[in-house]
Amino acid sequence: MNRHRIVAKLIGWSVPFLNLFRRPEPWPYDLDELQNLEEGTLGKELHRFLHSRNLGYLPKYEVHDTYHALLGYGTTVTEELKLQSFMWGNKNSTFAGKVLFILGFIVFPSKRDIMRAEIKRGKSAKKLSGIDVVSIIPVQLVKLRTDLCIN
């Protein structure tokens, strides 16, 4: 089994454990509501992100999935490491995100340059930690990325 598969398995196994400690606010949007939002909105892009991968919501990770759509990251191990690197640089990492970032930095030395670039991208963006993610679901994605300095 290669390192990508091992890390992917670790991520999958960690979710039920981490959910024991997560207490996010209930997510107010179902997938049909996202699908019916105006074209170009973050919510519509979130629906497209999930639908194109044959995914539904991962309970308690809706905000995380929204960050994938907002920031334009996929769901491979490399893309997840890029997301966590961005969040590290943006000072918006969760405990699990920090663990994944450190693990990725150690296990994948060939990805360090990519991760460093995403840290820089996160540092240059406005801080995401103060944003009410639910409130930006109906906002145009291009406007959000411009306002948040997400290149």
Protein backbone atom coordinates (compact mmCIF):
# COMPACT_ATOMS: atom_id res chain seq x y z
CA MET A 1 0.00 0.00 0.00
CA ASN A 2 1.46 3.37 -0.96
CA ARG A 3 1.67 6.45 1.26
CA HIS A 4 -1.30 8.16 -0.42
CA ARG A 5 -3.57 5.24 0.34
CA ILE A 6 -2.32 5.00 3.91
CA VAL A 7 -2.93 8.70 4.57
CA ALA A 8 -6.34 8.50 2.87
CA LYS A 9 -7.26 5.57 5.15
CA LEU A 10 -6.04 7.48 8.21
CA ILE A 11 -8.21 10.44 7.24
CA GLY A 12 -11.23 8.18 6.77
CA TRP A 13 -10.66 6.40 10.08
CA SER A 14 -10.14 9.63 12.00
CA VAL A 15 -13.50 11.18 11.06
CA PRO A 16 -15.70 9.04 13.38
CA PHE A 17 -13.25 9.60 16.23
CA LEU A 18 -13.07 13.37 15.66
CA ASN A 19 -16.87 13.55 15.46
CA LEU A 20 -16.98 12.58 19.13
CA PHE A 21 -15.54 16.03 19.90
CA ARG A 22 -17.07 18.20 17.17
CA ARG A 23 -20.16 20.24 18.01
CA PRO A 24 -20.79 22.52 15.02
CA GLU A 25 -24.01 24.43 14.58
CA PRO A 26 -26.61 22.54 12.51
CA TRP A 27 -26.10 23.09 8.78
CA PRO A 28 -29.17 24.88 7.39
CA TYR A 29 -28.86 23.95 3.70
CA ASP A 30 -29.80 20.63 2.16
CA LEU A 31 -28.34 19.63 -1.21
CA ASP A 32 -31.51 20.50 -3.13
CA GLU A 33 -31.41 24.03 -1.75
CA LEU A 34 -27.80 24.41 -2.87
CA GLN A 35 -28.65 23.10 -6.32
CA ASN A 36 -31.40 25.70 -6.65
CA LEU A 37 -29.19 28.66 -5.75
CA GLU A 38 -28.21 31.18 -8.38
CA GLU A 39 -25.45 30.16 -10.77
CA GLY A 40 -22.03 31.36 -9.62
CA THR A 41 -22.78 31.37 -5.90
CA LEU A 42 -20.64 29.58 -3.37
CA GLY A 43 -23.58 27.33 -2.54
CA LYS A 44 -24.07 26.32 -6.16
CA GLU A 45 -20.32 25.59 -6.40
CA LEU A 46 -20.51 23.54 -3.18
CA HIS A 47 -23.33 21.50 -4.72
CA ARG A 48 -21.29 21.03 -7.91
CA PHE A 49 -18.23 20.04 -5.84
CA LEU A 50 -20.15 17.37 -3.92
CA HIS A 51 -22.28 16.14 -6.84
CA SER A 52 -19.33 15.77 -9.25
CA ARG A 53 -17.65 13.47 -6.74
CA ASN A 54 -20.83 11.53 -5.91
CA LEU A 55 -20.62 12.80 -2.35
CA GLY A 56 -23.24 13.97 0.05
CA TYR A 57 -22.60 15.99 3.15
CA LEU A 58 -20.21 14.44 5.60
CA PRO A 59 -22.06 15.21 8.86
CA LYS A 60 -20.31 17.90 10.91
CA TYR A 61 -17.94 18.69 8.01
CA GLU A 62 -20.16 20.93 5.90
CA VAL A 63 -18.00 24.00 6.60
CA HIS A 64 -14.90 22.02 5.67
CA ASP A 65 -16.51 20.99 2.38
CA THR A 66 -17.48 24.61 1.79
CA TYR A 67 -13.84 25.61 2.19
CA HIS A 68 -12.95 23.06 -0.51
CA ALA A 69 -15.41 24.79 -2.87
CA LEU A 70 -14.43 28.33 -1.84
CA LEU A 71 -10.71 27.71 -2.20
CA GLY A 72 -10.92 25.43 -5.24
CA TYR A 73 -9.32 22.30 -3.78
CA GLY A 74 -10.25 18.77 -4.75
CA THR A 75 -10.47 15.70 -2.54
CA THR A 76 -7.27 13.76 -3.24
CA VAL A 77 -4.66 13.46 -0.50
CA THR A 78 -2.58 16.13 -2.25
CA GLU A 79 -5.57 18.47 -2.52
CA GLU A 80 -6.43 17.92 1.16
CA LEU A 81 -2.84 18.73 2.09
CA LYS A 82 -3.07 21.89 -0.01
CA LEU A 83 -6.25 22.88 1.85
CA GLN A 84 -4.66 22.22 5.22
CA SER A 85 -1.56 24.17 4.18
CA PHE A 86 -3.72 27.13 3.18
CA MET A 87 -5.54 26.95 6.51
CA TRP A 88 -2.21 26.73 8.37
CA GLY A 89 -0.99 29.89 6.60
CA ASN A 90 -4.33 31.59 7.20
CA LYS A 91 -4.15 30.76 10.92
CA ASN A 92 -7.45 28.91 10.65
CA SER A 93 -6.38 25.30 11.23
CA THR A 94 -8.36 22.94 13.37
CA PHE A 95 -6.55 20.47 15.60
CA ALA A 96 -7.16 17.70 13.05
CA GLY A 97 -6.01 19.96 10.23
CA LYS A 98 -2.77 20.73 12.04
CA VAL A 99 -2.12 17.03 12.60
CA LEU A 100 -2.78 16.28 8.92
CA PHE A 101 -0.55 19.16 7.82
CA ILE A 102 2.35 17.99 10.00
CA LEU A 103 1.85 14.36 8.96
CA GLY A 104 1.79 15.36 5.30
CA PHE A 105 4.88 17.49 5.65
CA ILE A 106 6.76 14.57 7.18
CA VAL A 107 5.41 11.72 5.04
CA PHE A 108 5.47 13.54 1.67
CA PRO A 109 8.73 15.48 1.37
CA SER A 110 8.11 15.75 -2.39
CA LYS A 111 5.00 17.85 -1.66
CA ARG A 112 6.71 20.41 0.59
CA ASP A 113 7.09 23.01 -2.16
CA ILE A 114 3.39 22.72 -3.02
CA MET A 115 2.50 22.96 0.67
CA ARG A 116 4.74 26.02 1.14
CA ALA A 117 3.06 27.73 -1.80
CA GLU A 118 -0.36 27.09 -0.23
CA ILE A 119 0.85 28.40 3.13
CA LYS A 120 1.87 31.60 1.33
CA ARG A 121 -1.53 31.72 -0.40
CA GLY A 122 -3.24 31.35 2.99
CA LYS A 123 -1.14 34.11 4.53
CA SER A 124 -1.97 36.51 1.70
CA ALA A 125 -5.72 35.92 1.99
CA LYS A 126 -7.91 37.65 4.54
CA LYS A 127 -8.51 35.62 7.68
CA LEU A 128 -11.34 33.13 7.26
CA SER A 129 -11.71 32.50 10.99
CA GLY A 130 -14.12 35.38 11.54
CA ILE A 131 -16.43 34.54 8.66
CA ASP A 132 -19.88 33.06 9.19
CA VAL A 133 -19.66 30.45 6.43
CA VAL A 134 -23.42 29.86 6.33
CA SER A 135 -24.02 33.55 5.54
CA ILE A 136 -21.78 33.50 2.46
CA ILE A 137 -23.39 30.46 0.79
CA PRO A 138 -25.65 32.65 -1.43
CA VAL A 139 -22.84 35.09 -2.35
CA GLN A 140 -21.18 35.05 -5.76
CA LEU A 141 -17.98 33.01 -5.62
CA VAL A 142 -15.96 35.48 -7.73
CA LYS A 143 -16.91 38.31 -5.38
CA LEU A 144 -15.99 36.25 -2.31
CA ARG A 145 -12.62 35.28 -3.71
CA THR A 146 -11.91 38.91 -4.64
CA ASP A 147 -13.07 40.29 -1.27
CA LEU A 148 -11.09 37.65 0.63
CA CYS A 149 -7.98 38.06 -1.55
CA ILE A 150 -8.06 34.40 -2.52
CA ASN A 151 -5.94 34.10 -5.64
